[in-house]
Amino acid sequence: MSRSGEWGDHVTLQAAADSYGVKIFVITSFKDTCYIEILPNVQRSKRVIFLSFWAEVHYNSIYPLGDVPTFGTKKKKRRQKFNNKHSSELADEYQECSNNNGF
């Protein structure tokens, strides 16, 4: 995973949660399971990693609007709330799922 183009799955996410001691919250495109919480074996941080997961195909890092990560650079890039069709559809499906489940 340290090189560009490497792939991971739920086992990789569990290993990352355990290794870093953080909770990982995954918003999915599945109607029956709109989110998944991956808990570390020992939680050492209150930080949470948020990811989106599009239909068994691709994970994306997501974060609250205004909290754009800088990765050590001084300039912050402004991004739109949803920058592609999949992100917008995923948000709509999550909203529907969370409403149906009383969230």
PDB file of N, CA and C in Angstrom:
ATOM      1  N   MET A   1       0.807  -1.197   0.000  1.00  0.00           N
ATOM      2  CA  MET A   1       0.000   0.000   0.000  1.00  0.00           C
ATOM      3  C   MET A   1       0.851   1.264   0.000  1.00  0.00           C
ATOM      4  N   SER A   2       2.133   1.130   0.165  1.00  0.00           N
ATOM      5  CA  SER A   2       2.978   2.326   0.217  1.00  0.00           C
ATOM      6  C   SER A   2       3.263   2.908  -1.158  1.00  0.00           C
ATOM      7  N   ARG A   3       2.958   2.161  -2.208  1.00  0.00           N
ATOM      8  CA  ARG A   3       3.200   2.656  -3.561  1.00  0.00           C
ATOM      9  C   ARG A   3       1.895   3.005  -4.247  1.00  0.00           C
ATOM     10  N   SER A   4       1.962   3.978  -5.134  1.00  0.00           N
ATOM     11  CA  SER A   4       0.796   4.366  -5.911  1.00  0.00           C
ATOM     12  C   SER A   4       0.330   3.188  -6.754  1.00  0.00           C
ATOM     13  N   GLY A   5      -0.967   3.000  -6.838  1.00  0.00           N
ATOM     14  CA  GLY A   5      -1.512   1.911  -7.634  1.00  0.00           C
ATOM     15  C   GLY A   5      -1.749   0.635  -6.853  1.00  0.00           C
ATOM     16  N   GLU A   6      -1.375   0.592  -5.580  1.00  0.00           N
ATOM     17  CA  GLU A   6      -1.613  -0.591  -4.750  1.00  0.00           C
ATOM     18  C   GLU A   6      -3.070  -0.619  -4.318  1.00  0.00           C
ATOM     19  N   TRP A   7      -3.629  -1.804  -4.159  1.00  0.00           N
ATOM     20  CA  TRP A   7      -5.027  -1.962  -3.791  1.00  0.00           C
ATOM     21  C   TRP A   7      -5.137  -2.566  -2.404  1.00  0.00           C
ATOM     22  N   GLY A   8      -6.247  -2.308  -1.753  1.00  0.00           N
ATOM     23  CA  GLY A   8      -6.523  -2.892  -0.449  1.00  0.00           C
ATOM     24  C   GLY A   8      -7.984  -3.307  -0.369  1.00  0.00           C
ATOM     25  N   ASP A   9      -8.327  -4.017   0.702  1.00  0.00           N
ATOM     26  CA  ASP A   9      -9.703  -4.459   0.905  1.00  0.00           C
ATOM     27  C   ASP A   9     -10.058  -4.307   2.375  1.00  0.00           C
ATOM     28  N   HIS A  10     -11.148  -4.952   2.812  1.00  0.00           N
ATOM     29  CA  HIS A  10     -11.577  -4.808   4.202  1.00  0.00           C
ATOM     30  C   HIS A  10     -10.541  -5.353   5.182  1.00  0.00           C
ATOM     31  N   VAL A  11      -9.787  -6.365   4.780  1.00  0.00           N
ATOM     32  CA  VAL A  11      -8.733  -6.901   5.644  1.00  0.00           C
ATOM     33  C   VAL A  11      -7.635  -5.856   5.830  1.00  0.00           C
ATOM     34  N   THR A  12      -7.293  -5.157   4.758  1.00  0.00           N
ATOM     35  CA  THR A  12      -6.304  -4.080   4.821  1.00  0.00           C
ATOM     36  C   THR A  12      -6.794  -2.959   5.726  1.00  0.00           C
ATOM     37  N   LEU A  13      -8.083  -2.618   5.632  1.00  0.00           N
ATOM     38  CA  LEU A  13      -8.638  -1.564   6.483  1.00  0.00           C
ATOM     39  C   LEU A  13      -8.600  -1.967   7.953  1.00  0.00           C
ATOM     40  N   GLN A  14      -8.907  -3.229   8.260  1.00  0.00           N
ATOM     41  CA  GLN A  14      -8.837  -3.684   9.649  1.00  0.00           C
ATOM     42  C   GLN A  14      -7.404  -3.622  10.153  1.00  0.00           C
ATOM     43  N   ALA A  15      -6.452  -4.013   9.323  1.00  0.00           N
ATOM     44  CA  ALA A  15      -5.039  -3.938   9.706  1.00  0.00           C
ATOM     45  C   ALA A  15      -4.620  -2.493   9.956  1.00  0.00           C
ATOM     46  N   ALA A  16      -5.093  -1.566   9.125  1.00  0.00           N
ATOM     47  CA  ALA A  16      -4.772  -0.144   9.319  1.00  0.00           C
ATOM     48  C   ALA A  16      -5.385   0.370  10.615  1.00  0.00           C
ATOM     49  N   ALA A  17      -6.639   0.008  10.880  1.00  0.00           N
ATOM     50  CA  ALA A  17      -7.300   0.432  12.123  1.00  0.00           C
ATOM     51  C   ALA A  17      -6.528  -0.083  13.332  1.00  0.00           C
ATOM     52  N   ASP A  18      -6.131  -1.345  13.300  1.00  0.00           N
ATOM     53  CA  ASP A  18      -5.377  -1.933  14.409  1.00  0.00           C
ATOM     54  C   ASP A  18      -3.997  -1.304  14.546  1.00  0.00           C
ATOM     55  N   SER A  19      -3.327  -1.097  13.425  1.00  0.00           N
ATOM     56  CA  SER A  19      -1.969  -0.548  13.439  1.00  0.00           C
ATOM     57  C   SER A  19      -1.927   0.880  13.974  1.00  0.00           C
ATOM     58  N   TYR A  20      -2.880   1.712  13.550  1.00  0.00           N
ATOM     59  CA  TYR A  20      -2.886   3.119  13.951  1.00  0.00           C
ATOM     60  C   TYR A  20      -3.776   3.397  15.159  1.00  0.00           C
ATOM     61  N   GLY A  21      -4.564   2.415  15.569  1.00  0.00           N
ATOM     62  CA  GLY A  21      -5.428   2.590  16.727  1.00  0.00           C
ATOM     63  C   GLY A  21      -6.543   3.587  16.511  1.00  0.00           C
ATOM     64  N   VAL A  22      -7.067   3.649  15.286  1.00  0.00           N
ATOM     65  CA  VAL A  22      -8.140   4.592  14.963  1.00  0.00           C
ATOM     66  C   VAL A  22      -9.352   3.845  14.409  1.00  0.00           C
ATOM     67  N   LYS A  23     -10.517   4.455  14.588  1.00  0.00           N
ATOM     68  CA  LYS A  23     -11.744   3.924  14.008  1.00  0.00           C
ATOM     69  C   LYS A  23     -11.806   4.371  12.551  1.00  0.00           C
ATOM     70  N   ILE A  24     -12.283   3.478  11.688  1.00  0.00           N
ATOM     71  CA  ILE A  24     -12.486   3.803  10.277  1.00  0.00           C
ATOM     72  C   ILE A  24     -13.976   3.666   9.993  1.00  0.00           C
ATOM     73  N   PHE A  25     -14.558   4.713   9.456  1.00  0.00           N
ATOM     74  CA  PHE A  25     -15.989   4.764   9.151  1.00  0.00           C
ATOM     75  C   PHE A  25     -16.131   4.801   7.636  1.00  0.00           C
ATOM     76  N   VAL A  26     -16.778   3.775   7.077  1.00  0.00           N
ATOM     77  CA  VAL A  26     -16.906   3.646   5.625  1.00  0.00           C
ATOM     78  C   VAL A  26     -18.371   3.845   5.226  1.00  0.00           C
ATOM     79  N   ILE A  27     -18.632   4.834   4.391  1.00  0.00           N
ATOM     80  CA  ILE A  27     -19.961   5.045   3.825  1.00  0.00           C
ATOM     81  C   ILE A  27     -19.988   4.310   2.490  1.00  0.00           C
ATOM     82  N   THR A  28     -20.958   3.408   2.324  1.00  0.00           N
ATOM     83  CA  THR A  28     -20.995   2.561   1.134  1.00  0.00           C
ATOM     84  C   THR A  28     -22.123   2.946   0.185  1.00  0.00           C
ATOM     85  N   SER A  29     -22.079   2.383  -1.004  1.00  0.00           N
ATOM     86  CA  SER A  29     -23.145   2.582  -1.990  1.00  0.00           C
ATOM     87  C   SER A  29     -24.194   1.478  -1.911  1.00  0.00           C
ATOM     88  N   PHE A  30     -24.071   0.584  -0.938  1.00  0.00           N
ATOM     89  CA  PHE A  30     -25.031  -0.510  -0.791  1.00  0.00           C
ATOM     90  C   PHE A  30     -26.262  -0.036  -0.027  1.00  0.00           C
ATOM     91  N   LYS A  31     -27.439  -0.353  -0.524  1.00  0.00           N
ATOM     92  CA  LYS A  31     -28.675   0.105   0.111  1.00  0.00           C
ATOM     93  C   LYS A  31     -28.916  -0.568   1.463  1.00  0.00           C
ATOM     94  N   ASP A  32     -28.536  -1.834   1.616  1.00  0.00           N
ATOM     95  CA  ASP A  32     -28.798  -2.536   2.870  1.00  0.00           C
ATOM     96  C   ASP A  32     -27.736  -2.280   3.942  1.00  0.00           C
ATOM     97  N   THR A  33     -26.557  -1.854   3.549  1.00  0.00           N
ATOM     98  CA  THR A  33     -25.483  -1.547   4.492  1.00  0.00           C
ATOM     99  C   THR A  33     -24.868  -0.222   4.074  1.00  0.00           C
ATOM    100  N   CYS A  34     -25.455   0.874   4.539  1.00  0.00           N
ATOM    101  CA  CYS A  34     -24.999   2.179   4.057  1.00  0.00           C
ATOM    102  C   CYS A  34     -23.721   2.647   4.749  1.00  0.00           C
ATOM    103  N   TYR A  35     -23.358   2.026   5.863  1.00  0.00           N
ATOM    104  CA  TYR A  35     -22.087   2.377   6.486  1.00  0.00           C
ATOM    105  C   TYR A  35     -21.533   1.175   7.245  1.00  0.00           C
ATOM    106  N   ILE A  36     -20.233   1.175   7.422  1.00  0.00           N
ATOM    107  CA  ILE A  36     -19.531   0.124   8.154  1.00  0.00           C
ATOM    108  C   ILE A  36     -18.546   0.804   9.090  1.00  0.00           C
ATOM    109  N   GLU A  37     -18.518   0.382  10.341  1.00  0.00           N
ATOM    110  CA  GLU A  37     -17.512   0.870  11.285  1.00  0.00           C
ATOM    111  C   GLU A  37     -16.463  -0.214  11.458  1.00  0.00           C
ATOM    112  N   ILE A  38     -15.215   0.159  11.281  1.00  0.00           N
ATOM    113  CA  ILE A  38     -14.112  -0.765  11.496  1.00  0.00           C
ATOM    114  C   ILE A  38     -13.396  -0.291  12.751  1.00  0.00           C
ATOM    115  N   LEU A  39     -13.469  -1.108  13.790  1.00  0.00           N
ATOM    116  CA  LEU A  39     -12.910  -0.725  15.083  1.00  0.00           C
ATOM    117  C   LEU A  39     -11.548  -1.369  15.291  1.00  0.00           C
ATOM    118  N   PRO A  40     -10.589  -0.621  15.841  1.00  0.00           N
ATOM    119  CA  PRO A  40      -9.272  -1.196  16.123  1.00  0.00           C
ATOM    120  C   PRO A  40      -9.353  -2.108  17.343  1.00  0.00           C
ATOM    121  N   ASN A  41      -8.385  -3.023  17.470  1.00  0.00           N
ATOM    122  CA  ASN A  41      -8.372  -3.878  18.652  1.00  0.00           C
ATOM    123  C   ASN A  41      -8.125  -3.049  19.915  1.00  0.00           C
ATOM    124  N   VAL A  42      -7.341  -1.970  19.815  1.00  0.00           N
ATOM    125  CA  VAL A  42      -7.132  -1.011  20.904  1.00  0.00           C
ATOM    126  C   VAL A  42      -7.200   0.382  20.290  1.00  0.00           C
ATOM    127  N   GLN A  43      -8.172   1.180  20.731  1.00  0.00           N
ATOM    128  CA  GLN A  43      -8.303   2.535  20.183  1.00  0.00           C
ATOM    129  C   GLN A  43      -7.371   3.471  20.942  1.00  0.00           C
ATOM    130  N   ARG A  44      -6.379   4.024  20.226  1.00  0.00           N
ATOM    131  CA  ARG A  44      -5.381   4.905  20.838  1.00  0.00           C
ATOM    132  C   ARG A  44      -5.594   6.366  20.473  1.00  0.00           C
ATOM    133  N   SER A  45      -6.580   6.641  19.644  1.00  0.00           N
ATOM    134  CA  SER A  45      -6.820   8.006  19.198  1.00  0.00           C
ATOM    135  C   SER A  45      -8.318   8.230  19.041  1.00  0.00           C
ATOM    136  N   LYS A  46      -8.741   9.466  19.265  1.00  0.00           N
ATOM    137  CA  LYS A  46     -10.147   9.817  19.046  1.00  0.00           C
ATOM    138  C   LYS A  46     -10.406  10.165  17.583  1.00  0.00           C
ATOM    139  N   ARG A  47      -9.354  10.260  16.799  1.00  0.00           N
ATOM    140  CA  ARG A  47      -9.509  10.573  15.374  1.00  0.00           C
ATOM    141  C   ARG A  47     -10.227   9.435  14.669  1.00  0.00           C
ATOM    142  N   VAL A  48     -10.953   9.789  13.623  1.00  0.00           N
ATOM    143  CA  VAL A  48     -11.679   8.813  12.814  1.00  0.00           C
ATOM    144  C   VAL A  48     -11.310   9.053  11.354  1.00  0.00           C
ATOM    145  N   ILE A  49     -11.057   7.972  10.645  1.00  0.00           N
ATOM    146  CA  ILE A  49     -10.803   8.055   9.207  1.00  0.00           C
ATOM    147  C   ILE A  49     -12.127   7.790   8.507  1.00  0.00           C
ATOM    148  N   PHE A  50     -12.520   8.687   7.608  1.00  0.00           N
ATOM    149  CA  PHE A  50     -13.764   8.535   6.853  1.00  0.00           C
ATOM    150  C   PHE A  50     -13.434   8.167   5.410  1.00  0.00           C
ATOM    151  N   LEU A  51     -14.096   7.114   4.929  1.00  0.00           N
ATOM    152  CA  LEU A  51     -13.922   6.667   3.551  1.00  0.00           C
ATOM    153  C   LEU A  51     -15.285   6.456   2.909  1.00  0.00           C
ATOM    154  N   SER A  52     -15.321   6.584   1.599  1.00  0.00           N
ATOM    155  CA  SER A  52     -16.497   6.150   0.845  1.00  0.00           C
ATOM    156  C   SER A  52     -16.089   4.903   0.071  1.00  0.00           C
ATOM    157  N   PHE A  53     -17.056   4.037  -0.176  1.00  0.00           N
ATOM    158  CA  PHE A  53     -16.798   2.795  -0.901  1.00  0.00           C
ATOM    159  C   PHE A  53     -17.861   2.656  -1.971  1.00  0.00           C
ATOM    160  N   TRP A  54     -17.431   2.697  -3.224  1.00  0.00           N
ATOM    161  CA  TRP A  54     -18.355   2.670  -4.344  1.00  0.00           C
ATOM    162  C   TRP A  54     -18.448   1.273  -4.947  1.00  0.00           C
ATOM    163  N   ALA A  55     -19.522   0.555  -4.647  1.00  0.00           N
ATOM    164  CA  ALA A  55     -19.944  -0.689  -5.313  1.00  0.00           C
ATOM    165  C   ALA A  55     -18.824  -1.688  -5.606  1.00  0.00           C
ATOM    166  N   GLU A  56     -18.096  -2.082  -4.581  1.00  0.00           N
ATOM    167  CA  GLU A  56     -17.043  -3.097  -4.726  1.00  0.00           C
ATOM    168  C   GLU A  56     -15.936  -2.687  -5.688  1.00  0.00           C
ATOM    169  N   VAL A  57     -15.808  -1.401  -5.945  1.00  0.00           N
ATOM    170  CA  VAL A  57     -14.850  -0.955  -6.948  1.00  0.00           C
ATOM    171  C   VAL A  57     -13.754  -0.079  -6.367  1.00  0.00           C
ATOM    172  N   HIS A  58     -14.112   0.921  -5.567  1.00  0.00           N
ATOM    173  CA  HIS A  58     -13.126   1.946  -5.244  1.00  0.00           C
ATOM    174  C   HIS A  58     -13.418   2.608  -3.902  1.00  0.00           C
ATOM    175  N   TYR A  59     -12.353   2.840  -3.123  1.00  0.00           N
ATOM    176  CA  TYR A  59     -12.445   3.622  -1.890  1.00  0.00           C
ATOM    177  C   TYR A  59     -11.978   5.047  -2.177  1.00  0.00           C
ATOM    178  N   ASN A  60     -12.576   6.014  -1.496  1.00  0.00           N
ATOM    179  CA  ASN A  60     -12.133   7.408  -1.549  1.00  0.00           C
ATOM    180  C   ASN A  60     -12.046   7.938  -0.134  1.00  0.00           C
ATOM    181  N   SER A  61     -11.081   8.786   0.107  1.00  0.00           N
ATOM    182  CA  SER A  61     -11.009   9.507   1.367  1.00  0.00           C
ATOM    183  C   SER A  61     -12.046  10.619   1.335  1.00  0.00           C
ATOM    184  N   ILE A  62     -12.799  10.775   2.417  1.00  0.00           N
ATOM    185  CA  ILE A  62     -13.754  11.875   2.510  1.00  0.00           C
ATOM    186  C   ILE A  62     -13.529  12.605   3.825  1.00  0.00           C
ATOM    187  N   TYR A  63     -13.928  13.845   3.867  1.00  0.00           N
ATOM    188  CA  TYR A  63     -13.732  14.679   5.056  1.00  0.00           C
ATOM    189  C   TYR A  63     -14.731  15.817   5.009  1.00  0.00           C
ATOM    190  N   PRO A  64     -15.014  16.414   6.169  1.00  0.00           N
ATOM    191  CA  PRO A  64     -15.980  17.518   6.198  1.00  0.00           C
ATOM    192  C   PRO A  64     -15.535  18.676   5.311  1.00  0.00           C
ATOM    193  N   LEU A  65     -16.502  19.305   4.685  1.00  0.00           N
ATOM    194  CA  LEU A  65     -16.229  20.470   3.857  1.00  0.00           C
ATOM    195  C   LEU A  65     -15.526  21.519   4.705  1.00  0.00           C
ATOM    196  N   GLY A  66     -14.437  22.051   4.232  1.00  0.00           N
ATOM    197  CA  GLY A  66     -13.661  23.036   4.986  1.00  0.00           C
ATOM    198  C   GLY A  66     -12.463  22.429   5.693  1.00  0.00           C
ATOM    199  N   ASP A  67     -12.431  21.098   5.828  1.00  0.00           N
ATOM    200  CA  ASP A  67     -11.303  20.420   6.463  1.00  0.00           C
ATOM    201  C   ASP A  67     -10.430  19.729   5.424  1.00  0.00           C
ATOM    202  N   VAL A  68     -10.060  20.432   4.388  1.00  0.00           N
ATOM    203  CA  VAL A  68      -9.257  19.856   3.316  1.00  0.00           C
ATOM    204  C   VAL A  68      -7.869  19.536   3.857  1.00  0.00           C
ATOM    205  N   PRO A  69      -7.419  18.275   3.744  1.00  0.00           N
ATOM    206  CA  PRO A  69      -6.084  17.929   4.240  1.00  0.00           C
ATOM    207  C   PRO A  69      -5.000  18.605   3.409  1.00  0.00           C
ATOM    208  N   THR A  70      -3.906  18.988   4.064  1.00  0.00           N
ATOM    209  CA  THR A  70      -2.847  19.705   3.365  1.00  0.00           C
ATOM    210  C   THR A  70      -1.630  18.834   3.090  1.00  0.00           C
ATOM    211  N   PHE A  71      -1.444  17.738   3.807  1.00  0.00           N
ATOM    212  CA  PHE A  71      -0.316  16.839   3.599  1.00  0.00           C
ATOM    213  C   PHE A  71       1.017  17.568   3.628  1.00  0.00           C
ATOM    214  N   GLY A  72       1.154  18.479   4.578  1.00  0.00           N
ATOM    215  CA  GLY A  72       2.426  19.160   4.775  1.00  0.00           C
ATOM    216  C   GLY A  72       2.652  20.372   3.905  1.00  0.00           C
ATOM    217  N   THR A  73       1.737  20.694   3.020  1.00  0.00           N
ATOM    218  CA  THR A  73       1.907  21.886   2.201  1.00  0.00           C
ATOM    219  C   THR A  73       1.229  23.061   2.884  1.00  0.00           C
ATOM    220  N   LYS A  74       1.648  24.256   2.539  1.00  0.00           N
ATOM    221  CA  LYS A  74       1.074  25.436   3.156  1.00  0.00           C
ATOM    222  C   LYS A  74      -0.175  25.917   2.437  1.00  0.00           C
ATOM    223  N   LYS A  75      -0.320  25.582   1.154  1.00  0.00           N
ATOM    224  CA  LYS A  75      -1.491  25.998   0.392  1.00  0.00           C
ATOM    225  C   LYS A  75      -2.585  24.952   0.547  1.00  0.00           C
ATOM    226  N   LYS A  76      -3.784  25.424   0.799  1.00  0.00           N
ATOM    227  CA  LYS A  76      -4.929  24.527   0.850  1.00  0.00           C
ATOM    228  C   LYS A  76      -5.666  24.601  -0.475  1.00  0.00           C
ATOM    229  N   LYS A  77      -5.984  23.453  -1.007  1.00  0.00           N
ATOM    230  CA  LYS A  77      -6.759  23.406  -2.238  1.00  0.00           C
ATOM    231  C   LYS A  77      -8.231  23.389  -1.868  1.00  0.00           C
ATOM    232  N   ARG A  78      -9.005  24.177  -2.557  1.00  0.00           N
ATOM    233  CA  ARG A  78     -10.454  24.175  -2.338  1.00  0.00           C
ATOM    234  C   ARG A  78     -11.077  23.149  -3.270  1.00  0.00           C
ATOM    235  N   ARG A  79     -11.918  22.328  -2.691  1.00  0.00           N
ATOM    236  CA  ARG A  79     -12.615  21.326  -3.488  1.00  0.00           C
ATOM    237  C   ARG A  79     -14.103  21.474  -3.267  1.00  0.00           C
ATOM    238  N   GLN A  80     -14.852  21.090  -4.268  1.00  0.00           N
ATOM    239  CA  GLN A  80     -16.298  21.125  -4.128  1.00  0.00           C
ATOM    240  C   GLN A  80     -16.741  19.981  -3.235  1.00  0.00           C
ATOM    241  N   LYS A  81     -17.918  20.144  -2.666  1.00  0.00           N
ATOM    242  CA  LYS A  81     -18.446  19.128  -1.770  1.00  0.00           C
ATOM    243  C   LYS A  81     -18.521  17.768  -2.460  1.00  0.00           C
ATOM    244  N   PHE A  82     -19.040  17.726  -3.681  1.00  0.00           N
ATOM    245  CA  PHE A  82     -19.076  16.494  -4.455  1.00  0.00           C
ATOM    246  C   PHE A  82     -18.492  16.796  -5.818  1.00  0.00           C
ATOM    247  N   ASN A  83     -17.378  16.145  -6.136  1.00  0.00           N
ATOM    248  CA  ASN A  83     -16.691  16.496  -7.364  1.00  0.00           C
ATOM    249  C   ASN A  83     -16.922  15.517  -8.502  1.00  0.00           C
ATOM    250  N   ASN A  84     -17.758  14.504  -8.291  1.00  0.00           N
ATOM    251  CA  ASN A  84     -18.060  13.622  -9.403  1.00  0.00           C
ATOM    252  C   ASN A  84     -19.419  12.961  -9.208  1.00  0.00           C
ATOM    253  N   LYS A  85     -19.886  12.323 -10.243  1.00  0.00           N
ATOM    254  CA  LYS A  85     -21.209  11.704 -10.241  1.00  0.00           C
ATOM    255  C   LYS A  85     -21.323  10.651  -9.145  1.00  0.00           C
ATOM    256  N   HIS A  86     -20.300   9.813  -8.977  1.00  0.00           N
ATOM    257  CA  HIS A  86     -20.363   8.747  -7.988  1.00  0.00           C
ATOM    258  C   HIS A  86     -20.489   9.297  -6.573  1.00  0.00           C
ATOM    259  N   SER A  87     -19.755  10.344  -6.246  1.00  0.00           N
ATOM    260  CA  SER A  87     -19.821  10.926  -4.908  1.00  0.00           C
ATOM    261  C   SER A  87     -21.212  11.459  -4.618  1.00  0.00           C
ATOM    262  N   SER A  88     -21.810  12.121  -5.578  1.00  0.00           N
ATOM    263  CA  SER A  88     -23.147  12.674  -5.393  1.00  0.00           C
ATOM    264  C   SER A  88     -24.173  11.562  -5.208  1.00  0.00           C
ATOM    265  N   GLU A  89     -24.093  10.521  -6.024  1.00  0.00           N
ATOM    266  CA  GLU A  89     -25.010   9.392  -5.894  1.00  0.00           C
ATOM    267  C   GLU A  89     -24.818   8.696  -4.556  1.00  0.00           C
ATOM    268  N   LEU A  90     -23.573   8.539  -4.126  1.00  0.00           N
ATOM    269  CA  LEU A  90     -23.277   7.902  -2.853  1.00  0.00           C
ATOM    270  C   LEU A  90     -23.883   8.703  -1.706  1.00  0.00           C
ATOM    271  N   ALA A  91     -23.773  10.012  -1.754  1.00  0.00           N
ATOM    272  CA  ALA A  91     -24.346  10.860  -0.709  1.00  0.00           C
ATOM    273  C   ALA A  91     -25.863  10.717  -0.672  1.00  0.00           C
ATOM    274  N   ASP A  92     -26.490  10.680  -1.838  1.00  0.00           N
ATOM    275  CA  ASP A  92     -27.944  10.511  -1.896  1.00  0.00           C
ATOM    276  C   ASP A  92     -28.365   9.164  -1.318  1.00  0.00           C
ATOM    277  N   GLU A  93     -27.636   8.098  -1.673  1.00  0.00           N
ATOM    278  CA  GLU A  93     -27.966   6.768  -1.176  1.00  0.00           C
ATOM    279  C   GLU A  93     -27.738   6.671   0.329  1.00  0.00           C
ATOM    280  N   TYR A  94     -26.668   7.292   0.833  1.00  0.00           N
ATOM    281  CA  TYR A  94     -26.415   7.279   2.271  1.00  0.00           C
ATOM    282  C   TYR A  94     -27.530   8.013   3.007  1.00  0.00           C
ATOM    283  N   GLN A  95     -27.964   9.153   2.472  1.00  0.00           N
ATOM    284  CA  GLN A  95     -29.047   9.916   3.106  1.00  0.00           C
ATOM    285  C   GLN A  95     -30.313   9.074   3.171  1.00  0.00           C
ATOM    286  N   GLU A  96     -30.648   8.398   2.076  1.00  0.00           N
ATOM    287  CA  GLU A  96     -31.835   7.548   2.051  1.00  0.00           C
ATOM    288  C   GLU A  96     -31.709   6.401   3.049  1.00  0.00           C
ATOM    289  N   CYS A  97     -30.558   5.758   3.078  1.00  0.00           N
ATOM    290  CA  CYS A  97     -30.329   4.640   3.989  1.00  0.00           C
ATOM    291  C   CYS A  97     -30.398   5.095   5.443  1.00  0.00           C
ATOM    292  N   SER A  98     -29.758   6.218   5.755  1.00  0.00           N
ATOM    293  CA  SER A  98     -29.755   6.699   7.134  1.00  0.00           C
ATOM    294  C   SER A  98     -31.158   7.115   7.566  1.00  0.00           C
ATOM    295  N   ASN A  99     -31.942   7.686   6.666  1.00  0.00           N
ATOM    296  CA  ASN A  99     -33.332   8.035   6.990  1.00  0.00           C
ATOM    297  C   ASN A  99     -34.164   6.785   7.250  1.00  0.00           C
ATOM    298  N   ASN A 100     -33.967   5.752   6.437  1.00  0.00           N
ATOM    299  CA  ASN A 100     -34.719   4.509   6.593  1.00  0.00           C
ATOM    300  C   ASN A 100     -34.356   3.757   7.864  1.00  0.00           C
ATOM    301  N   ASN A 101     -33.145   3.977   8.372  1.00  0.00           N
ATOM    302  CA  ASN A 101     -32.693   3.277   9.573  1.00  0.00           C
ATOM    303  C   ASN A 101     -32.758   4.141  10.826  1.00  0.00           C
ATOM    304  N   GLY A 102     -33.370   5.302  10.728  1.00  0.00           N
ATOM    305  CA  GLY A 102     -33.575   6.149  11.896  1.00  0.00           C
ATOM    306  C   GLY A 102     -32.349   6.886  12.383  1.00  0.00           C
ATOM    307  N   PHE A 103     -31.375   7.153  11.508  1.00  0.00           N
ATOM    308  CA  PHE A 103     -30.160   7.874  11.915  1.00  0.00           C
ATOM    309  C   PHE A 103     -30.380   9.354  11.812  1.00  0.00           C
TER     310      PHE A 103
END
